[in-house]
Amino acid sequence: MAKENAVQEKSAVREVLSWLITILLAVLAALVIKNFIIINANIPSGSMENTIMEGDRIFGFRLAYHDKAPKRGDIVIFKYPDDEEENYIKRVIGLPGETILIRDAKVYINGSPVPLEEDYLKEEWTVATGPYTFQVPENSYLVLGDNRNNSQDARYWDNTYVSEDKILGKAIFRYYPVATAGSLY
């Protein structure tokens, strides 16, 4: 009987250890995914409407720029240049080394007479339409919201450009609300 109880106790200890190891591995996996692979973002304002709506929840991919640079049109999550305690989400408009001219609600790149095609804008752009000239520094980006009439973006910041090392990830997927869940591209 004593031998039977000892076997049962060992079995119970093994079962508890098995559960503890499984839980520990799950927690470690979640921490690795959260801190190194995916960034979760809640959208607090309408600055990216109609692409991303206020109240949406999205996932960003932290490794998107591990071996390549952001491209024009990418939606990025980054440390807000004027207060790095806050994360922002905007669209990349200007790339490192480019001269960006905003005039009459149109974006011109490097002196091109043809404006940037921006079919993602929410509505006719009527607020803060220029003229602005931005000389994007190396290793930095110019970012603007899709809702130009209601976006606190680079046009208003003290520190105009987003340094490449402050980009946290590329926004890739809306998961809430469920009715509009899906890829952002």
N, C-alpha and C. Protein backbone atom coordinates (compact mmCIF):
# COMPACT_ATOMS: atom_id res chain seq x y z
N MET A 1 0.82 -1.20 0.00
CA MET A 1 0.00 0.00 0.00
C MET A 1 0.86 1.26 0.00
N ALA A 2 1.94 1.22 0.79
CA ALA A 2 2.84 2.37 0.86
C ALA A 2 3.50 2.59 -0.48
N LYS A 3 3.85 1.52 -1.15
CA LYS A 3 4.49 1.60 -2.46
C LYS A 3 3.52 2.22 -3.47
N GLU A 4 2.28 1.83 -3.38
CA GLU A 4 1.24 2.36 -4.26
C GLU A 4 1.04 3.86 -4.05
N ASN A 5 1.02 4.30 -2.78
CA ASN A 5 0.88 5.73 -2.47
C ASN A 5 2.08 6.52 -2.98
N ALA A 6 3.28 5.98 -2.84
CA ALA A 6 4.49 6.65 -3.31
C ALA A 6 4.44 6.82 -4.83
N VAL A 7 3.96 5.82 -5.55
CA VAL A 7 3.84 5.89 -7.01
C VAL A 7 2.80 6.95 -7.40
N GLN A 8 1.69 6.96 -6.66
CA GLN A 8 0.66 7.97 -6.94
C GLN A 8 1.17 9.38 -6.67
N GLU A 9 1.94 9.56 -5.59
CA GLU A 9 2.49 10.88 -5.28
C GLU A 9 3.47 11.33 -6.36
N LYS A 10 4.35 10.42 -6.81
CA LYS A 10 5.29 10.74 -7.90
C LYS A 10 4.53 11.10 -9.16
N SER A 11 3.48 10.37 -9.43
CA SER A 11 2.67 10.63 -10.61
C SER A 11 2.01 12.01 -10.52
N ALA A 12 1.51 12.36 -9.35
CA ALA A 12 0.88 13.67 -9.15
C ALA A 12 1.91 14.79 -9.29
N VAL A 13 3.09 14.59 -8.73
CA VAL A 13 4.15 15.60 -8.84
C VAL A 13 4.55 15.77 -10.30
N ARG A 14 4.68 14.69 -11.01
CA ARG A 14 5.03 14.76 -12.44
C ARG A 14 3.94 15.51 -13.22
N GLU A 15 2.70 15.25 -12.89
CA GLU A 15 1.58 15.91 -13.57
C GLU A 15 1.62 17.42 -13.31
N VAL A 16 1.83 17.79 -12.05
CA VAL A 16 1.90 19.22 -11.69
C VAL A 16 3.10 19.86 -12.40
N LEU A 17 4.25 19.22 -12.37
CA LEU A 17 5.43 19.75 -13.06
C LEU A 17 5.18 19.88 -14.56
N SER A 18 4.52 18.92 -15.12
CA SER A 18 4.20 18.96 -16.55
C SER A 18 3.35 20.19 -16.87
N TRP A 19 2.34 20.46 -16.04
CA TRP A 19 1.49 21.63 -16.24
C TRP A 19 2.28 22.93 -16.04
N LEU A 20 3.10 22.98 -15.00
CA LEU A 20 3.89 24.19 -14.75
C LEU A 20 4.86 24.48 -15.90
N ILE A 21 5.50 23.47 -16.42
CA ILE A 21 6.42 23.65 -17.56
C ILE A 21 5.65 24.12 -18.80
N THR A 22 4.49 23.53 -19.04
CA THR A 22 3.67 23.93 -20.18
C THR A 22 3.24 25.39 -20.05
N ILE A 23 2.79 25.78 -18.87
CA ILE A 23 2.37 27.17 -18.64
C ILE A 23 3.55 28.12 -18.80
N LEU A 24 4.69 27.76 -18.23
CA LEU A 24 5.88 28.60 -18.34
C LEU A 24 6.30 28.77 -19.80
N LEU A 25 6.29 27.72 -20.57
CA LEU A 25 6.64 27.80 -21.99
C LEU A 25 5.64 28.66 -22.76
N ALA A 26 4.37 28.56 -22.44
CA ALA A 26 3.35 29.38 -23.10
C ALA A 26 3.56 30.86 -22.78
N VAL A 27 3.86 31.17 -21.52
CA VAL A 27 4.11 32.56 -21.13
C VAL A 27 5.35 33.09 -21.83
N LEU A 28 6.41 32.31 -21.86
CA LEU A 28 7.63 32.73 -22.56
C LEU A 28 7.39 32.94 -24.05
N ALA A 29 6.64 32.05 -24.67
CA ALA A 29 6.33 32.20 -26.09
C ALA A 29 5.52 33.48 -26.33
N ALA A 30 4.55 33.75 -25.47
CA ALA A 30 3.74 34.97 -25.60
C ALA A 30 4.61 36.22 -25.45
N LEU A 31 5.52 36.21 -24.50
CA LEU A 31 6.41 37.37 -24.30
C LEU A 31 7.33 37.58 -25.51
N VAL A 32 7.86 36.52 -26.04
CA VAL A 32 8.72 36.64 -27.22
C VAL A 32 7.93 37.18 -28.40
N ILE A 33 6.74 36.65 -28.63
CA ILE A 33 5.90 37.12 -29.74
C ILE A 33 5.55 38.59 -29.55
N LYS A 34 5.12 38.97 -28.34
CA LYS A 34 4.71 40.36 -28.08
C LYS A 34 5.87 41.34 -28.18
N ASN A 35 7.03 40.98 -27.70
CA ASN A 35 8.15 41.92 -27.64
C ASN A 35 9.06 41.90 -28.86
N PHE A 36 9.01 40.85 -29.67
CA PHE A 36 9.95 40.76 -30.78
C PHE A 36 9.31 40.51 -32.14
N ILE A 37 8.04 40.13 -32.19
CA ILE A 37 7.44 39.77 -33.48
C ILE A 37 6.22 40.63 -33.79
N ILE A 38 5.29 40.77 -32.87
CA ILE A 38 4.04 41.49 -33.14
C ILE A 38 3.91 42.65 -32.17
N ILE A 39 3.39 43.76 -32.68
CA ILE A 39 3.03 44.89 -31.83
C ILE A 39 1.53 45.09 -31.97
N ASN A 40 0.88 45.28 -30.85
CA ASN A 40 -0.57 45.48 -30.81
C ASN A 40 -0.82 46.98 -30.69
N ALA A 41 -1.76 47.52 -31.46
CA ALA A 41 -2.04 48.95 -31.38
C ALA A 41 -3.53 49.20 -31.35
N ASN A 42 -3.93 50.11 -30.46
CA ASN A 42 -5.30 50.63 -30.43
C ASN A 42 -5.27 51.98 -31.12
N ILE A 43 -6.26 52.28 -31.92
CA ILE A 43 -6.29 53.54 -32.66
C ILE A 43 -7.17 54.53 -31.90
N PRO A 44 -6.56 55.60 -31.32
CA PRO A 44 -7.31 56.51 -30.47
C PRO A 44 -7.93 57.71 -31.19
N SER A 45 -7.59 57.91 -32.46
CA SER A 45 -8.08 59.11 -33.15
C SER A 45 -8.45 58.77 -34.59
N GLY A 46 -9.01 59.74 -35.26
CA GLY A 46 -9.43 59.56 -36.65
C GLY A 46 -8.38 59.99 -37.66
N SER A 47 -7.13 60.11 -37.26
CA SER A 47 -6.10 60.64 -38.17
C SER A 47 -5.78 59.74 -39.35
N MET A 48 -6.15 58.47 -39.28
CA MET A 48 -5.86 57.55 -40.39
C MET A 48 -7.13 57.09 -41.12
N GLU A 49 -8.26 57.76 -40.82
CA GLU A 49 -9.51 57.40 -41.53
C GLU A 49 -9.34 57.67 -43.02
N ASN A 50 -9.91 56.93 -43.85
CA ASN A 50 -10.79 55.80 -43.71
C ASN A 50 -10.05 54.47 -43.76
N THR A 51 -8.72 54.52 -43.82
CA THR A 51 -7.94 53.29 -43.85
C THR A 51 -8.06 52.54 -42.53
N ILE A 52 -7.84 53.27 -41.44
CA ILE A 52 -7.96 52.72 -40.09
C ILE A 52 -8.86 53.67 -39.31
N MET A 53 -9.87 53.13 -38.68
CA MET A 53 -10.86 53.96 -38.00
C MET A 53 -10.56 54.07 -36.50
N GLU A 54 -11.04 55.15 -35.90
CA GLU A 54 -10.92 55.31 -34.45
C GLU A 54 -11.56 54.11 -33.77
N GLY A 55 -10.85 53.54 -32.80
CA GLY A 55 -11.35 52.37 -32.08
C GLY A 55 -10.89 51.04 -32.67
N ASP A 56 -10.33 51.06 -33.88
CA ASP A 56 -9.81 49.83 -34.47
C ASP A 56 -8.64 49.31 -33.63
N ARG A 57 -8.44 48.04 -33.73
CA ARG A 57 -7.27 47.41 -33.11
C ARG A 57 -6.52 46.67 -34.20
N ILE A 58 -5.23 46.87 -34.21
CA ILE A 58 -4.43 46.28 -35.29
C ILE A 58 -3.19 45.59 -34.74
N PHE A 59 -2.65 44.72 -35.57
CA PHE A 59 -1.36 44.10 -35.32
C PHE A 59 -0.36 44.71 -36.28
N GLY A 60 0.83 44.97 -35.75
CA GLY A 60 1.95 45.37 -36.58
C GLY A 60 3.01 44.29 -36.50
N PHE A 61 3.81 44.20 -37.55
CA PHE A 61 4.87 43.19 -37.63
C PHE A 61 6.19 43.86 -37.32
N ARG A 62 6.77 43.53 -36.17
CA ARG A 62 8.01 44.16 -35.72
C ARG A 62 9.21 43.83 -36.61
N LEU A 63 9.20 42.70 -37.26
CA LEU A 63 10.34 42.27 -38.07
C LEU A 63 10.26 42.74 -39.52
N ALA A 64 9.23 43.51 -39.86
CA ALA A 64 9.03 43.92 -41.26
C ALA A 64 10.23 44.68 -41.82
N TYR A 65 10.92 45.42 -40.97
CA TYR A 65 12.04 46.23 -41.45
C TYR A 65 13.37 45.73 -40.91
N HIS A 66 13.40 44.48 -40.55
CA HIS A 66 14.64 43.88 -40.05
C HIS A 66 15.72 43.86 -41.13
N ASP A 67 15.34 43.55 -42.35
CA ASP A 67 16.33 43.47 -43.43
C ASP A 67 15.96 44.32 -44.64
N LYS A 68 14.97 45.19 -44.51
CA LYS A 68 14.62 46.11 -45.58
C LYS A 68 14.04 47.38 -44.98
N ALA A 69 14.07 48.43 -45.76
CA ALA A 69 13.62 49.75 -45.29
C ALA A 69 12.13 49.94 -45.58
N PRO A 70 11.49 50.81 -44.81
CA PRO A 70 10.09 51.15 -45.11
C PRO A 70 9.97 51.75 -46.52
N LYS A 71 8.84 51.50 -47.14
CA LYS A 71 8.56 52.03 -48.48
C LYS A 71 7.49 53.10 -48.37
N ARG A 72 7.47 53.97 -49.38
CA ARG A 72 6.42 54.97 -49.44
C ARG A 72 5.07 54.24 -49.49
N GLY A 73 4.15 54.69 -48.69
CA GLY A 73 2.82 54.08 -48.63
C GLY A 73 2.64 53.10 -47.49
N ASP A 74 3.75 52.63 -46.90
CA ASP A 74 3.64 51.74 -45.74
C ASP A 74 2.99 52.48 -44.58
N ILE A 75 2.19 51.77 -43.81
CA ILE A 75 1.62 52.32 -42.58
C ILE A 75 2.49 51.78 -41.45
N VAL A 76 3.10 52.72 -40.70
CA VAL A 76 4.06 52.33 -39.68
C VAL A 76 3.60 52.75 -38.29
N ILE A 77 4.01 51.96 -37.31
CA ILE A 77 3.82 52.26 -35.90
C ILE A 77 5.19 52.69 -35.39
N PHE A 78 5.23 53.84 -34.71
CA PHE A 78 6.53 54.40 -34.33
C PHE A 78 6.42 55.19 -33.03
N LYS A 79 7.57 55.48 -32.46
CA LYS A 79 7.65 56.35 -31.29
C LYS A 79 7.45 57.78 -31.77
N TYR A 80 6.46 58.47 -31.22
CA TYR A 80 6.16 59.85 -31.58
C TYR A 80 7.40 60.71 -31.30
N PRO A 81 7.91 61.41 -32.32
CA PRO A 81 9.16 62.15 -32.16
C PRO A 81 9.15 63.22 -31.07
N ASP A 82 8.01 63.81 -30.77
CA ASP A 82 7.94 64.86 -29.75
C ASP A 82 7.73 64.32 -28.33
N ASP A 83 7.37 63.04 -28.20
CA ASP A 83 7.17 62.41 -26.90
C ASP A 83 7.25 60.89 -27.10
N GLU A 84 8.43 60.34 -26.93
CA GLU A 84 8.65 58.92 -27.23
C GLU A 84 7.94 57.97 -26.28
N GLU A 85 7.23 58.49 -25.31
CA GLU A 85 6.40 57.65 -24.45
C GLU A 85 5.14 57.21 -25.21
N GLU A 86 4.80 57.93 -26.27
CA GLU A 86 3.60 57.64 -27.06
C GLU A 86 3.98 56.95 -28.37
N ASN A 87 3.12 56.03 -28.79
CA ASN A 87 3.26 55.41 -30.10
C ASN A 87 2.23 56.02 -31.04
N TYR A 88 2.63 56.28 -32.26
CA TYR A 88 1.74 56.81 -33.29
C TYR A 88 1.70 55.85 -34.46
N ILE A 89 0.71 56.06 -35.31
CA ILE A 89 0.60 55.29 -36.54
C ILE A 89 0.26 56.26 -37.66
N LYS A 90 1.06 56.23 -38.72
CA LYS A 90 0.88 57.11 -39.87
C LYS A 90 1.40 56.40 -41.11
N ARG A 91 1.22 57.07 -42.26
CA ARG A 91 1.67 56.53 -43.54
C ARG A 91 2.99 57.19 -43.95
N VAL A 92 3.93 56.39 -44.45
CA VAL A 92 5.20 56.91 -44.95
C VAL A 92 4.96 57.65 -46.26
N ILE A 93 5.38 58.92 -46.30
CA ILE A 93 5.26 59.74 -47.50
C ILE A 93 6.64 60.07 -48.08
N GLY A 94 7.55 60.51 -47.22
CA GLY A 94 8.88 60.90 -47.67
C GLY A 94 9.94 59.93 -47.19
N LEU A 95 10.85 59.56 -48.09
CA LEU A 95 11.92 58.62 -47.80
C LEU A 95 13.22 59.38 -47.52
N PRO A 96 14.22 58.71 -46.93
CA PRO A 96 15.48 59.36 -46.60
C PRO A 96 16.10 60.05 -47.83
N GLY A 97 16.52 61.30 -47.62
CA GLY A 97 17.20 62.05 -48.67
C GLY A 97 16.28 62.76 -49.65
N GLU A 98 14.99 62.55 -49.56
CA GLU A 98 14.05 63.17 -50.52
C GLU A 98 13.67 64.58 -50.09
N THR A 99 13.30 65.38 -51.09
CA THR A 99 12.69 66.68 -50.83
C THR A 99 11.21 66.55 -51.15
N ILE A 100 10.40 66.87 -50.17
CA ILE A 100 8.95 66.76 -50.31
C ILE A 100 8.36 68.17 -50.28
N LEU A 101 7.59 68.49 -51.29
CA LEU A 101 6.89 69.77 -51.35
C LEU A 101 5.40 69.48 -51.26
N ILE A 102 4.74 70.13 -50.33
CA ILE A 102 3.28 70.07 -50.26
C ILE A 102 2.77 71.44 -50.67
N ARG A 103 1.98 71.46 -51.73
CA ARG A 103 1.44 72.71 -52.24
C ARG A 103 0.03 72.46 -52.77
N ASP A 104 -0.91 73.27 -52.32
CA ASP A 104 -2.30 73.17 -52.77
C ASP A 104 -2.85 71.76 -52.60
N ALA A 105 -2.55 71.17 -51.44
CA ALA A 105 -3.06 69.84 -51.07
C ALA A 105 -2.55 68.73 -51.97
N LYS A 106 -1.39 68.91 -52.53
CA LYS A 106 -0.74 67.88 -53.35
C LYS A 106 0.68 67.68 -52.84
N VAL A 107 1.18 66.46 -52.94
CA VAL A 107 2.53 66.12 -52.50
C VAL A 107 3.39 65.88 -53.74
N TYR A 108 4.51 66.60 -53.79
CA TYR A 108 5.46 66.47 -54.90
C TYR A 108 6.78 65.98 -54.34
N ILE A 109 7.39 65.02 -55.03
CA ILE A 109 8.61 64.40 -54.55
C ILE A 109 9.77 64.76 -55.47
N ASN A 110 10.83 65.29 -54.85
CA ASN A 110 12.07 65.62 -55.57
C ASN A 110 11.83 66.46 -56.81
N GLY A 111 10.96 67.44 -56.73
CA GLY A 111 10.74 68.37 -57.83
C GLY A 111 9.90 67.84 -58.97
N SER A 112 9.31 66.68 -58.81
CA SER A 112 8.46 66.12 -59.87
C SER A 112 7.28 67.05 -60.14
N PRO A 113 6.93 67.25 -61.41
CA PRO A 113 5.74 68.06 -61.70
C PRO A 113 4.44 67.28 -61.48
N VAL A 114 4.55 65.97 -61.32
CA VAL A 114 3.38 65.10 -61.12
C VAL A 114 3.23 64.81 -59.63
N PRO A 115 2.08 65.12 -59.05
CA PRO A 115 1.90 64.87 -57.62
C PRO A 115 1.77 63.37 -57.31
N LEU A 116 2.08 63.04 -56.07
CA LEU A 116 1.93 61.68 -55.58
C LEU A 116 0.46 61.28 -55.65
N GLU A 117 0.19 60.10 -56.16
CA GLU A 117 -1.17 59.56 -56.21
C GLU A 117 -1.52 59.08 -54.80
N GLU A 118 -2.59 59.65 -54.23
CA GLU A 118 -2.97 59.31 -52.86
C GLU A 118 -4.45 58.95 -52.79
N ASP A 119 -4.79 57.81 -53.34
CA ASP A 119 -6.19 57.38 -53.37
C ASP A 119 -6.70 56.92 -52.01
N TYR A 120 -5.84 56.88 -51.02
CA TYR A 120 -6.22 56.46 -49.67
C TYR A 120 -6.73 57.62 -48.81
N LEU A 121 -6.63 58.86 -49.29
CA LEU A 121 -7.08 60.00 -48.48
C LEU A 121 -8.57 59.91 -48.22
N LYS A 122 -8.97 60.32 -47.02
CA LYS A 122 -10.36 60.20 -46.60
C LYS A 122 -11.30 61.07 -47.43
N GLU A 123 -10.88 62.30 -47.69
CA GLU A 123 -11.74 63.27 -48.35
C GLU A 123 -10.85 64.33 -49.00
N GLU A 124 -11.48 65.29 -49.62
CA GLU A 124 -10.70 66.38 -50.20
C GLU A 124 -9.90 67.06 -49.10
N TRP A 125 -8.63 67.25 -49.35
CA TRP A 125 -7.71 67.83 -48.37
C TRP A 125 -7.83 69.34 -48.42
N THR A 126 -8.32 69.96 -47.33
CA THR A 126 -8.57 71.40 -47.30
C THR A 126 -7.87 72.12 -46.15
N VAL A 127 -7.29 71.39 -45.18
CA VAL A 127 -6.67 71.99 -44.00
C VAL A 127 -5.16 71.81 -44.08
N ALA A 128 -4.42 72.90 -43.83
CA ALA A 128 -2.95 72.86 -43.84
C ALA A 128 -2.43 72.23 -45.12
N THR A 129 -2.79 72.84 -46.23
CA THR A 129 -2.49 72.29 -47.56
C THR A 129 -1.18 72.79 -48.15
N GLY A 130 -0.43 73.57 -47.40
CA GLY A 130 0.87 74.03 -47.86
C GLY A 130 0.87 75.51 -48.16
N PRO A 131 1.96 76.03 -48.62
CA PRO A 131 3.15 75.29 -49.02
C PRO A 131 4.03 74.91 -47.83
N TYR A 132 4.55 73.69 -47.89
CA TYR A 132 5.53 73.16 -46.96
C TYR A 132 6.63 72.51 -47.78
N THR A 133 7.84 72.66 -47.35
CA THR A 133 8.96 71.93 -47.97
C THR A 133 9.67 71.17 -46.87
N PHE A 134 9.88 69.89 -47.11
CA PHE A 134 10.56 69.02 -46.15
C PHE A 134 11.78 68.40 -46.83
N GLN A 135 12.93 68.53 -46.21
CA GLN A 135 14.14 67.84 -46.66
C GLN A 135 14.36 66.69 -45.69
N VAL A 136 13.99 65.48 -46.11
CA VAL A 136 14.02 64.33 -45.21
C VAL A 136 15.48 63.91 -44.97
N PRO A 137 15.92 63.89 -43.71
CA PRO A 137 17.29 63.48 -43.41
C PRO A 137 17.52 61.99 -43.70
N GLU A 138 18.78 61.64 -43.85
CA GLU A 138 19.13 60.22 -43.99
C GLU A 138 18.65 59.47 -42.75
N ASN A 139 18.27 58.23 -42.93
CA ASN A 139 17.78 57.36 -41.85
C ASN A 139 16.53 57.89 -41.16
N SER A 140 15.75 58.71 -41.88
CA SER A 140 14.50 59.24 -41.32
C SER A 140 13.41 59.23 -42.39
N TYR A 141 12.17 59.43 -41.92
CA TYR A 141 11.01 59.37 -42.81
C TYR A 141 10.05 60.51 -42.48
N LEU A 142 9.33 60.97 -43.50
CA LEU A 142 8.25 61.92 -43.32
C LEU A 142 6.96 61.12 -43.35
N VAL A 143 6.13 61.27 -42.31
CA VAL A 143 4.89 60.52 -42.22
C VAL A 143 3.71 61.47 -42.05
N LEU A 144 2.60 61.13 -42.68
CA LEU A 144 1.37 61.92 -42.59
C LEU A 144 0.19 60.99 -42.36
N GLY A 145 -0.88 61.52 -41.79
CA GLY A 145 -2.11 60.75 -41.63
C GLY A 145 -2.91 60.74 -42.93
N ASP A 146 -3.76 59.75 -43.10
CA ASP A 146 -4.62 59.67 -44.28
C ASP A 146 -5.77 60.67 -44.22
N ASN A 147 -6.13 61.09 -43.03
CA ASN A 147 -7.19 62.08 -42.84
C ASN A 147 -6.51 63.44 -42.64
N ARG A 148 -5.98 64.00 -43.72
CA ARG A 148 -5.14 65.20 -43.64
C ARG A 148 -5.85 66.38 -43.00
N ASN A 149 -7.17 66.42 -43.06
CA ASN A 149 -7.90 67.53 -42.45
C ASN A 149 -7.98 67.41 -40.93
N ASN A 150 -7.66 66.24 -40.40
CA ASN A 150 -7.76 66.01 -38.96
C ASN A 150 -6.65 65.06 -38.50
N SER A 151 -5.41 65.46 -38.74
CA SER A 151 -4.29 64.59 -38.37
C SER A 151 -3.16 65.42 -37.78
N GLN A 152 -2.78 65.08 -36.56
CA GLN A 152 -1.59 65.68 -35.96
C GLN A 152 -0.40 64.88 -36.49
N ASP A 153 0.17 65.37 -37.57
CA ASP A 153 1.27 64.65 -38.22
C ASP A 153 2.47 65.55 -38.38
N ALA A 154 3.42 65.17 -39.20
CA ALA A 154 4.70 65.87 -39.34
C ALA A 154 4.56 67.35 -39.65
N ARG A 155 3.46 67.77 -40.24
CA ARG A 155 3.26 69.18 -40.54
C ARG A 155 3.23 70.04 -39.27
N TYR A 156 2.92 69.44 -38.13
CA TYR A 156 2.73 70.17 -36.89
C TYR A 156 3.77 69.88 -35.81
N TRP A 157 4.57 68.84 -35.97
CA TRP A 157 5.48 68.41 -34.92
C TRP A 157 6.69 69.32 -34.81
N ASP A 158 7.24 69.44 -33.61
CA ASP A 158 8.52 70.13 -33.41
C ASP A 158 9.65 69.32 -34.03
N ASN A 159 9.62 68.01 -33.83
CA ASN A 159 10.61 67.09 -34.41
C ASN A 159 9.93 66.40 -35.59
N THR A 160 10.12 66.95 -36.75
CA THR A 160 9.31 66.64 -37.93
C THR A 160 9.45 65.20 -38.43
N TYR A 161 10.61 64.61 -38.31
CA TYR A 161 10.88 63.33 -38.98
C TYR A 161 10.95 62.17 -37.99
N VAL A 162 10.60 60.99 -38.50
CA VAL A 162 10.66 59.77 -37.70
C VAL A 162 11.95 59.05 -38.05
N SER A 163 12.80 58.91 -37.07
CA SER A 163 14.07 58.21 -37.26
C SER A 163 13.78 56.71 -37.48
N GLU A 164 14.55 56.11 -38.37
CA GLU A 164 14.34 54.69 -38.70
C GLU A 164 14.37 53.81 -37.46
N ASP A 165 15.23 54.13 -36.49
CA ASP A 165 15.34 53.29 -35.30
C ASP A 165 14.16 53.47 -34.33
N LYS A 166 13.26 54.41 -34.61
CA LYS A 166 12.07 54.62 -33.78
C LYS A 166 10.82 53.97 -34.38
N ILE A 167 10.99 53.36 -35.55
CA ILE A 167 9.87 52.64 -36.16
C ILE A 167 9.77 51.27 -35.49
N LEU A 168 8.60 50.99 -34.91
CA LEU A 168 8.39 49.76 -34.16
C LEU A 168 7.91 48.61 -35.02
N GLY A 169 7.24 48.93 -36.12
CA GLY A 169 6.74 47.87 -36.99
C GLY A 169 5.85 48.40 -38.08
N LYS A 170 5.48 47.52 -38.96
CA LYS A 170 4.59 47.83 -40.08
C LYS A 170 3.19 47.33 -39.71
N ALA A 171 2.21 48.23 -39.77
CA ALA A 171 0.82 47.83 -39.50
C ALA A 171 0.38 46.89 -40.62
N ILE A 172 -0.16 45.74 -40.24
CA ILE A 172 -0.49 44.75 -41.28
C ILE A 172 -1.91 44.20 -41.22
N PHE A 173 -2.53 44.18 -40.03
CA PHE A 173 -3.80 43.45 -39.91
C PHE A 173 -4.71 44.11 -38.88
N ARG A 174 -5.95 44.37 -39.27
CA ARG A 174 -6.97 44.85 -38.33
C ARG A 174 -7.70 43.61 -37.81
N TYR A 175 -7.74 43.47 -36.47
CA TYR A 175 -8.44 42.32 -35.89
C TYR A 175 -9.72 42.70 -35.16
N TYR A 176 -9.93 44.00 -34.96
CA TYR A 176 -11.15 44.44 -34.30
C TYR A 176 -11.52 45.80 -34.88
N PRO A 177 -12.78 46.03 -35.17
CA PRO A 177 -13.93 45.15 -34.99
C PRO A 177 -13.90 43.98 -35.98
N VAL A 178 -14.46 42.90 -35.55
CA VAL A 178 -14.43 41.65 -36.32
C VAL A 178 -15.05 41.84 -37.71
N ALA A 179 -16.08 42.67 -37.82
CA ALA A 179 -16.76 42.87 -39.11
C ALA A 179 -15.83 43.45 -40.16
N THR A 180 -14.80 44.18 -39.75
CA THR A 180 -13.87 44.77 -40.71
C THR A 180 -12.47 44.17 -40.61
N ALA A 181 -12.34 43.04 -39.94
CA ALA A 181 -11.04 42.41 -39.77
C ALA A 181 -10.46 42.04 -41.12
N GLY A 182 -9.14 42.18 -41.20
CA GLY A 182 -8.45 41.78 -42.42
C GLY A 182 -7.18 42.57 -42.64
N SER A 183 -6.51 42.27 -43.73
CA SER A 183 -5.25 42.90 -44.08
C SER A 183 -5.46 44.40 -44.37
N LEU A 184 -4.46 45.20 -44.02
CA LEU A 184 -4.50 46.63 -44.29
C LEU A 184 -3.97 46.96 -45.68
N TYR A 185 -3.48 45.95 -46.39
CA TYR A 185 -2.91 46.20 -47.73
C TYR A 185 -3.61 45.38 -48.79
